[in-house]
Amino acid sequence: MSLFEDLESLKEKIHCETDILAMSCYLHRNKNTYIGLERAAKQSIANVAVSNEDHELAYRIRYHYSTQLSVEILSNKPLSSFRSSLIDFLKTDGRSFDKSQLGMITSLPSFYEYDKKLEWISHQFNLYDLNSHRGKLSLYFVDSLTKKNRGIKREEFWFKVKDTDHPVLLTVNQENVLLNFWKKYLDKDRHILLDGWFSLRTNSRNFPHLLAEKWTMA
């Protein structure tokens, strides 16, 4: 197949009998894949299995991102191609969409889970008077999240600084041999001492935090 034919195939309209986002929620619960969603959409495989729970989750996901994107539009924030495509999809009932949107639709349940857990985590911190820091920080473990971005999976370990409750993020790629050690070693309120460079960052969810870089355990 030529490149031109590949691009044309992505413009293909897919029609299904039920909301594709509810199907995605069902397949996410059952740990299915992108291929599974496309097959389910074209053959209506998941129509019978999709439950009210899946439709309710699809509704919450739509409401969450519609609200979030409305705020971004009103603030004149530039929208990425992903967000523009998401806006187009959210305007539909999920029964007719472009094949190129399947990857995005597949990701929405896991993105939503990440967003809601990060929202909970953010409430555990003091977000005022945050500044970059070089040196030692005494930290307490709060929670961890798994994030997938552009095909790369990483684990996010969130800590709060002793005395200030400022948020600190330490990231470990899934391929890192120390990942299992961190998962087993860290439990709620586990105390560690890190020495390194902690730079002030703001993630795509507008959550300010200190990112641990070039660190060692002290």
C-alpha atoms as a PDB file:
ATOM      1  CA  MET A   1       0.000   0.000   0.000  1.00  0.00           C
ATOM      2  CA  SER A   2       1.379   3.459  -0.943  1.00  0.00           C
ATOM      3  CA  LEU A   3       1.722   6.374   1.445  1.00  0.00           C
ATOM      4  CA  PHE A   4      -1.171   8.100  -0.338  1.00  0.00           C
ATOM      5  CA  GLU A   5      -3.368   5.035   0.157  1.00  0.00           C
ATOM      6  CA  ASP A   6      -2.341   4.876   3.829  1.00  0.00           C
ATOM      7  CA  LEU A   7      -3.408   8.498   4.333  1.00  0.00           C
ATOM      8  CA  GLU A   8      -6.671   7.910   2.508  1.00  0.00           C
ATOM      9  CA  SER A   9      -7.440   4.884   4.700  1.00  0.00           C
ATOM     10  CA  LEU A  10      -7.112   7.071   7.805  1.00  0.00           C
ATOM     11  CA  LYS A  11      -9.900   9.288   6.444  1.00  0.00           C
ATOM     12  CA  GLU A  12     -12.186   6.286   6.221  1.00  0.00           C
ATOM     13  CA  LYS A  13     -15.431   6.801   8.111  1.00  0.00           C
ATOM     14  CA  ILE A  14     -16.338   4.044  10.551  1.00  0.00           C
ATOM     15  CA  HIS A  15     -19.953   3.574  11.631  1.00  0.00           C
ATOM     16  CA  CYS A  16     -21.123   1.482  14.552  1.00  0.00           C
ATOM     17  CA  GLU A  17     -24.363   0.814  16.393  1.00  0.00           C
ATOM     18  CA  THR A  18     -23.278   2.126  19.777  1.00  0.00           C
ATOM     19  CA  ASP A  19     -20.992   4.819  21.153  1.00  0.00           C
ATOM     20  CA  ILE A  20     -17.396   3.918  20.283  1.00  0.00           C
ATOM     21  CA  LEU A  21     -16.190   5.595  23.491  1.00  0.00           C
ATOM     22  CA  ALA A  22     -18.374   3.247  25.561  1.00  0.00           C
ATOM     23  CA  MET A  23     -16.842   0.365  23.558  1.00  0.00           C
ATOM     24  CA  SER A  24     -13.397   1.730  24.365  1.00  0.00           C
ATOM     25  CA  CYS A  25     -14.312   1.817  28.080  1.00  0.00           C
ATOM     26  CA  TYR A  26     -15.469  -1.810  27.874  1.00  0.00           C
ATOM     27  CA  LEU A  27     -12.298  -2.949  26.092  1.00  0.00           C
ATOM     28  CA  HIS A  28     -10.147  -0.932  28.522  1.00  0.00           C
ATOM     29  CA  ARG A  29     -11.703  -2.837  31.424  1.00  0.00           C
ATOM     30  CA  ASN A  30     -10.849  -6.070  29.624  1.00  0.00           C
ATOM     31  CA  LYS A  31      -7.295  -4.962  28.750  1.00  0.00           C
ATOM     32  CA  ASN A  32      -7.917  -5.077  25.004  1.00  0.00           C
ATOM     33  CA  THR A  33      -5.964  -3.317  22.226  1.00  0.00           C
ATOM     34  CA  TYR A  34      -6.303  -0.815  19.387  1.00  0.00           C
ATOM     35  CA  ILE A  35      -6.969  -3.675  16.958  1.00  0.00           C
ATOM     36  CA  GLY A  36      -9.658  -4.912  19.310  1.00  0.00           C
ATOM     37  CA  LEU A  37     -11.443  -1.537  19.217  1.00  0.00           C
ATOM     38  CA  GLU A  38     -11.367  -1.279  15.428  1.00  0.00           C
ATOM     39  CA  ARG A  39     -12.701  -4.821  15.048  1.00  0.00           C
ATOM     40  CA  ALA A  40     -15.361  -4.204  17.684  1.00  0.00           C
ATOM     41  CA  ALA A  41     -16.454  -1.024  15.919  1.00  0.00           C
ATOM     42  CA  LYS A  42     -16.692  -2.559  12.457  1.00  0.00           C
ATOM     43  CA  GLN A  43     -18.296  -5.825  13.532  1.00  0.00           C
ATOM     44  CA  SER A  44     -20.316  -4.523  16.508  1.00  0.00           C
ATOM     45  CA  ILE A  45     -18.668  -7.256  18.594  1.00  0.00           C
ATOM     46  CA  ALA A  46     -18.873  -5.311  21.841  1.00  0.00           C
ATOM     47  CA  ASN A  47     -22.459  -4.071  21.431  1.00  0.00           C
ATOM     48  CA  VAL A  48     -23.942  -6.764  23.650  1.00  0.00           C
ATOM     49  CA  ALA A  49     -21.129  -6.687  26.223  1.00  0.00           C
ATOM     50  CA  VAL A  50     -21.041  -2.889  26.686  1.00  0.00           C
ATOM     51  CA  SER A  51     -22.783  -2.165  29.992  1.00  0.00           C
ATOM     52  CA  ASN A  52     -24.480   0.841  31.575  1.00  0.00           C
ATOM     53  CA  GLU A  53     -21.281   1.257  33.580  1.00  0.00           C
ATOM     54  CA  ASP A  54     -19.332   1.719  30.327  1.00  0.00           C
ATOM     55  CA  HIS A  55     -21.836   4.253  28.994  1.00  0.00           C
ATOM     56  CA  GLU A  56     -21.733   6.170  32.291  1.00  0.00           C
ATOM     57  CA  LEU A  57     -17.925   6.260  32.199  1.00  0.00           C
ATOM     58  CA  ALA A  58     -18.037   7.444  28.567  1.00  0.00           C
ATOM     59  CA  TYR A  59     -20.390  10.246  29.667  1.00  0.00           C
ATOM     60  CA  ARG A  60     -18.020  11.293  32.481  1.00  0.00           C
ATOM     61  CA  ILE A  61     -15.047  11.261  30.096  1.00  0.00           C
ATOM     62  CA  ARG A  62     -16.945  13.439  27.599  1.00  0.00           C
ATOM     63  CA  TYR A  63     -17.990  15.878  30.320  1.00  0.00           C
ATOM     64  CA  HIS A  64     -14.469  16.056  31.773  1.00  0.00           C
ATOM     65  CA  TYR A  65     -12.739  16.847  28.470  1.00  0.00           C
ATOM     66  CA  SER A  66     -15.525  19.078  27.118  1.00  0.00           C
ATOM     67  CA  THR A  67     -15.227  21.227  30.252  1.00  0.00           C
ATOM     68  CA  GLN A  68     -11.426  21.217  30.160  1.00  0.00           C
ATOM     69  CA  LEU A  69     -11.242  22.133  26.465  1.00  0.00           C
ATOM     70  CA  SER A  70     -13.901  24.848  26.804  1.00  0.00           C
ATOM     71  CA  VAL A  71     -11.711  26.564  29.407  1.00  0.00           C
ATOM     72  CA  GLU A  72      -8.674  26.306  27.109  1.00  0.00           C
ATOM     73  CA  ILE A  73     -10.605  27.757  24.171  1.00  0.00           C
ATOM     74  CA  LEU A  74     -11.942  30.665  26.257  1.00  0.00           C
ATOM     75  CA  SER A  75      -8.422  31.443  27.483  1.00  0.00           C
ATOM     76  CA  ASN A  76      -7.165  31.491  23.856  1.00  0.00           C
ATOM     77  CA  LYS A  77      -4.686  28.723  24.646  1.00  0.00           C
ATOM     78  CA  PRO A  78      -3.230  27.176  21.445  1.00  0.00           C
ATOM     79  CA  LEU A  79      -4.669  23.713  20.819  1.00  0.00           C
ATOM     80  CA  SER A  80      -2.553  20.763  19.717  1.00  0.00           C
ATOM     81  CA  SER A  81      -3.696  18.597  16.784  1.00  0.00           C
ATOM     82  CA  PHE A  82      -4.675  15.932  19.363  1.00  0.00           C
ATOM     83  CA  ARG A  83      -6.919  18.359  21.229  1.00  0.00           C
ATOM     84  CA  SER A  84      -8.439  19.681  17.990  1.00  0.00           C
ATOM     85  CA  SER A  85      -9.267  16.118  16.939  1.00  0.00           C
ATOM     86  CA  LEU A  86     -10.684  15.448  20.406  1.00  0.00           C
ATOM     87  CA  ILE A  87     -12.980  18.480  20.114  1.00  0.00           C
ATOM     88  CA  ASP A  88     -14.258  17.190  16.758  1.00  0.00           C
ATOM     89  CA  PHE A  89     -14.942  13.766  18.264  1.00  0.00           C
ATOM     90  CA  LEU A  90     -16.680  15.155  21.361  1.00  0.00           C
ATOM     91  CA  LYS A  91     -19.174  16.951  19.118  1.00  0.00           C
ATOM     92  CA  THR A  92     -20.419  13.570  17.840  1.00  0.00           C
ATOM     93  CA  ASP A  93     -22.464  10.797  19.453  1.00  0.00           C
ATOM     94  CA  GLY A  94     -19.595   8.369  18.867  1.00  0.00           C
ATOM     95  CA  ARG A  95     -21.401   6.340  16.235  1.00  0.00           C
ATOM     96  CA  SER A  96     -19.582   7.795  13.209  1.00  0.00           C
ATOM     97  CA  PHE A  97     -15.948   8.901  13.209  1.00  0.00           C
ATOM     98  CA  ASP A  98     -12.691   8.882  11.237  1.00  0.00           C
ATOM     99  CA  LYS A  99     -10.470   5.820  11.410  1.00  0.00           C
ATOM    100  CA  SER A 100      -7.583   8.175  12.293  1.00  0.00           C
ATOM    101  CA  GLN A 101      -9.329   8.892  15.615  1.00  0.00           C
ATOM    102  CA  LEU A 102      -9.281   5.275  16.814  1.00  0.00           C
ATOM    103  CA  GLY A 103      -5.936   5.579  18.588  1.00  0.00           C
ATOM    104  CA  MET A 104      -7.116   8.675  20.444  1.00  0.00           C
ATOM    105  CA  ILE A 105     -10.448   7.063  21.400  1.00  0.00           C
ATOM    106  CA  THR A 106      -8.619   3.974  22.649  1.00  0.00           C
ATOM    107  CA  SER A 107      -6.459   6.157  24.916  1.00  0.00           C
ATOM    108  CA  LEU A 108      -9.251   8.266  26.451  1.00  0.00           C
ATOM    109  CA  PRO A 109     -10.229   5.891  29.319  1.00  0.00           C
ATOM    110  CA  SER A 110      -6.610   5.585  30.516  1.00  0.00           C
ATOM    111  CA  PHE A 111      -6.034   9.349  30.068  1.00  0.00           C
ATOM    112  CA  TYR A 112      -9.141  10.015  32.149  1.00  0.00           C
ATOM    113  CA  GLU A 113      -7.991   7.624  34.894  1.00  0.00           C
ATOM    114  CA  TYR A 114      -4.632   9.398  34.957  1.00  0.00           C
ATOM    115  CA  ASP A 115      -6.239  12.853  35.106  1.00  0.00           C
ATOM    116  CA  LYS A 116      -8.598  11.961  37.963  1.00  0.00           C
ATOM    117  CA  LYS A 117      -5.853  10.320  40.028  1.00  0.00           C
ATOM    118  CA  LEU A 118      -3.507  13.249  39.403  1.00  0.00           C
ATOM    119  CA  GLU A 119      -6.312  15.574  40.498  1.00  0.00           C
ATOM    120  CA  TRP A 120      -6.565  13.654  43.775  1.00  0.00           C
ATOM    121  CA  ILE A 121      -2.785  13.673  44.213  1.00  0.00           C
ATOM    122  CA  SER A 122      -2.594  17.439  43.618  1.00  0.00           C
ATOM    123  CA  HIS A 123      -4.857  18.038  46.615  1.00  0.00           C
ATOM    124  CA  GLN A 124      -2.249  16.466  48.909  1.00  0.00           C
ATOM    125  CA  PHE A 125       0.270  19.250  48.286  1.00  0.00           C
ATOM    126  CA  ASN A 126       1.033  22.865  49.058  1.00  0.00           C
ATOM    127  CA  LEU A 127       1.417  24.563  45.658  1.00  0.00           C
ATOM    128  CA  TYR A 128       2.471  27.980  46.954  1.00  0.00           C
ATOM    129  CA  ASP A 129       5.996  29.450  47.019  1.00  0.00           C
ATOM    130  CA  LEU A 130       7.402  26.752  44.731  1.00  0.00           C
ATOM    131  CA  ASN A 131      10.956  27.392  43.512  1.00  0.00           C
ATOM    132  CA  SER A 132      13.682  25.312  41.892  1.00  0.00           C
ATOM    133  CA  HIS A 133      16.114  23.819  44.393  1.00  0.00           C
ATOM    134  CA  ARG A 134      19.616  22.394  44.322  1.00  0.00           C
ATOM    135  CA  GLY A 135      20.754  20.158  47.174  1.00  0.00           C
ATOM    136  CA  LYS A 136      19.121  17.708  49.556  1.00  0.00           C
ATOM    137  CA  LEU A 137      15.391  17.296  50.077  1.00  0.00           C
ATOM    138  CA  SER A 138      13.681  15.133  52.673  1.00  0.00           C
ATOM    139  CA  LEU A 139      10.672  13.525  50.988  1.00  0.00           C
ATOM    140  CA  TYR A 140       7.632  11.422  51.862  1.00  0.00           C
ATOM    141  CA  PHE A 141       6.063   9.143  49.254  1.00  0.00           C
ATOM    142  CA  VAL A 142       2.448   9.990  48.312  1.00  0.00           C
ATOM    143  CA  ASP A 143       1.461   7.824  45.326  1.00  0.00           C
ATOM    144  CA  SER A 144       2.458   6.611  41.866  1.00  0.00           C
ATOM    145  CA  LEU A 145       0.908   6.868  38.411  1.00  0.00           C
ATOM    146  CA  THR A 146       1.558   5.119  35.118  1.00  0.00           C
ATOM    147  CA  LYS A 147       1.661   7.451  32.126  1.00  0.00           C
ATOM    148  CA  LYS A 148       1.939   6.622  28.432  1.00  0.00           C
ATOM    149  CA  ASN A 149       3.004   9.382  26.070  1.00  0.00           C
ATOM    150  CA  ARG A 150       3.768   8.835  22.385  1.00  0.00           C
ATOM    151  CA  GLY A 151       4.174   5.113  22.927  1.00  0.00           C
ATOM    152  CA  ILE A 152       6.585   5.495  25.867  1.00  0.00           C
ATOM    153  CA  LYS A 153       5.422   4.205  29.250  1.00  0.00           C
ATOM    154  CA  ARG A 154       6.825   5.604  32.448  1.00  0.00           C
ATOM    155  CA  GLU A 155       6.061   5.450  36.121  1.00  0.00           C
ATOM    156  CA  GLU A 156       5.572   8.697  38.012  1.00  0.00           C
ATOM    157  CA  PHE A 157       6.430   8.648  41.721  1.00  0.00           C
ATOM    158  CA  TRP A 158       5.024  11.613  43.632  1.00  0.00           C
ATOM    159  CA  PHE A 159       6.530  12.832  46.907  1.00  0.00           C
ATOM    160  CA  LYS A 160       5.975  15.776  49.203  1.00  0.00           C
ATOM    161  CA  VAL A 161       8.763  17.751  50.832  1.00  0.00           C
ATOM    162  CA  LYS A 162       8.983  17.462  54.595  1.00  0.00           C
ATOM    163  CA  ASP A 163       7.891  20.682  56.346  1.00  0.00           C
ATOM    164  CA  THR A 164       6.603  22.425  53.167  1.00  0.00           C
ATOM    165  CA  ASP A 165       4.449  19.712  51.521  1.00  0.00           C
ATOM    166  CA  HIS A 166       5.673  20.862  48.098  1.00  0.00           C
ATOM    167  CA  PRO A 167       5.192  18.290  45.284  1.00  0.00           C
ATOM    168  CA  VAL A 168       8.206  16.474  43.854  1.00  0.00           C
ATOM    169  CA  LEU A 169       8.018  14.184  40.813  1.00  0.00           C
ATOM    170  CA  LEU A 170      10.482  11.383  40.112  1.00  0.00           C
ATOM    171  CA  THR A 171       9.990   9.544  36.801  1.00  0.00           C
ATOM    172  CA  VAL A 172      11.238   6.064  35.869  1.00  0.00           C
ATOM    173  CA  ASN A 173      10.880   4.571  32.381  1.00  0.00           C
ATOM    174  CA  GLN A 174       9.230   1.135  32.166  1.00  0.00           C
ATOM    175  CA  GLU A 175      12.456  -0.346  30.728  1.00  0.00           C
ATOM    176  CA  ASN A 176      14.498   0.756  33.750  1.00  0.00           C
ATOM    177  CA  VAL A 177      15.726  -2.271  35.707  1.00  0.00           C
ATOM    178  CA  LEU A 178      15.187  -0.367  38.975  1.00  0.00           C
ATOM    179  CA  LEU A 179      11.446   0.112  38.393  1.00  0.00           C
ATOM    180  CA  ASN A 180      10.437  -3.026  40.293  1.00  0.00           C
ATOM    181  CA  PHE A 181      12.731  -2.008  43.149  1.00  0.00           C
ATOM    182  CA  TRP A 182      11.027   1.380  43.426  1.00  0.00           C
ATOM    183  CA  LYS A 183       7.557  -0.195  43.329  1.00  0.00           C
ATOM    184  CA  LYS A 184       8.435  -2.668  46.094  1.00  0.00           C
ATOM    185  CA  TYR A 185      10.472  -0.234  48.164  1.00  0.00           C
ATOM    186  CA  LEU A 186       8.005   2.643  48.230  1.00  0.00           C
ATOM    187  CA  ASP A 187       4.879   2.488  50.326  1.00  0.00           C
ATOM    188  CA  LYS A 188       2.656   5.217  51.724  1.00  0.00           C
ATOM    189  CA  ASP A 189       4.582   7.831  53.742  1.00  0.00           C
ATOM    190  CA  ARG A 190       7.919   6.123  53.040  1.00  0.00           C
ATOM    191  CA  HIS A 191      10.674   8.629  53.790  1.00  0.00           C
ATOM    192  CA  ILE A 192      13.665   9.099  51.470  1.00  0.00           C
ATOM    193  CA  LEU A 193      16.440  11.683  51.192  1.00  0.00           C
ATOM    194  CA  LEU A 194      17.412  12.806  47.688  1.00  0.00           C
ATOM    195  CA  ASP A 195      20.331  14.996  46.671  1.00  0.00           C
ATOM    196  CA  GLY A 196      20.151  16.653  43.275  1.00  0.00           C
ATOM    197  CA  TRP A 197      18.589  19.315  41.087  1.00  0.00           C
ATOM    198  CA  PHE A 198      14.840  19.891  41.450  1.00  0.00           C
ATOM    199  CA  SER A 199      13.532  22.125  38.672  1.00  0.00           C
ATOM    200  CA  LEU A 200      10.201  23.950  38.768  1.00  0.00           C
ATOM    201  CA  ARG A 201       7.897  22.568  36.071  1.00  0.00           C
ATOM    202  CA  THR A 202       4.238  22.739  35.044  1.00  0.00           C
ATOM    203  CA  ASN A 203       2.735  19.728  33.288  1.00  0.00           C
ATOM    204  CA  SER A 204       0.034  19.659  30.604  1.00  0.00           C
ATOM    205  CA  ARG A 205      -2.611  19.641  33.375  1.00  0.00           C
ATOM    206  CA  ASN A 206      -1.277  22.993  34.702  1.00  0.00           C
ATOM    207  CA  PHE A 207       0.003  21.291  37.844  1.00  0.00           C
ATOM    208  CA  PRO A 208       3.170  23.020  39.171  1.00  0.00           C
ATOM    209  CA  HIS A 209       5.752  20.731  40.781  1.00  0.00           C
ATOM    210  CA  LEU A 210       9.457  20.100  41.262  1.00  0.00           C
ATOM    211  CA  LEU A 211      10.966  17.559  38.867  1.00  0.00           C
ATOM    212  CA  ALA A 212      13.842  15.520  40.332  1.00  0.00           C
ATOM    213  CA  GLU A 213      16.788  15.589  37.913  1.00  0.00           C
ATOM    214  CA  LYS A 214      20.356  14.291  38.241  1.00  0.00           C
ATOM    215  CA  TRP A 215      19.610  12.982  41.689  1.00  0.00           C
ATOM    216  CA  THR A 216      21.126  10.426  44.028  1.00  0.00           C
ATOM    217  CA  MET A 217      19.838   8.896  47.236  1.00  0.00           C
ATOM    218  CA  ALA A 218      21.621  10.592  50.122  1.00  0.00           C
END
